[in-house]
Amino acid sequence: MKDIWTTDTSFWYLKDMEHRNLFDVHSSDTVQKEVSPVEKVKNLEDKIASAIEKVKMLKDENSRLKQRLQELEDIVNRKDEEISHLSTDKDSIRGQVEELLGELESLEI
């Protein structure tokens, strides 16, 4: 049989089952050869670089979300003030209407 070698994330796999030895790590239908220390360090460096990039991305997203939250809180505060002013205006107008109705009632007597 022919040996068929493929690479996958810096690991070498031998797909021909008859070439296994005691030092191979077995997994289902493939044989994983031992990884050299240099490859292990490279894999670790790649994982660390990926983690650092994710942390940077998450910090940027967190910053944008905090800014958006502040903008929305400002809008809510302005709306609360507007509601308070409208409520005050409503009470003032109600008082004026009641006063006018009182004057109309006194004219009809």
Foldseek 3Di string as FASTA:
>chain_A
DDWDWDDDLQWIKTQDVVPDDPQWDDDDRITTHDHDPVSVVVVVVVVVVVVVVVVVVVVVVVVVVVVVVVVVVVVVVVVVVVVVVVVVVVVVVVVVVVVVVVVVVVVVD
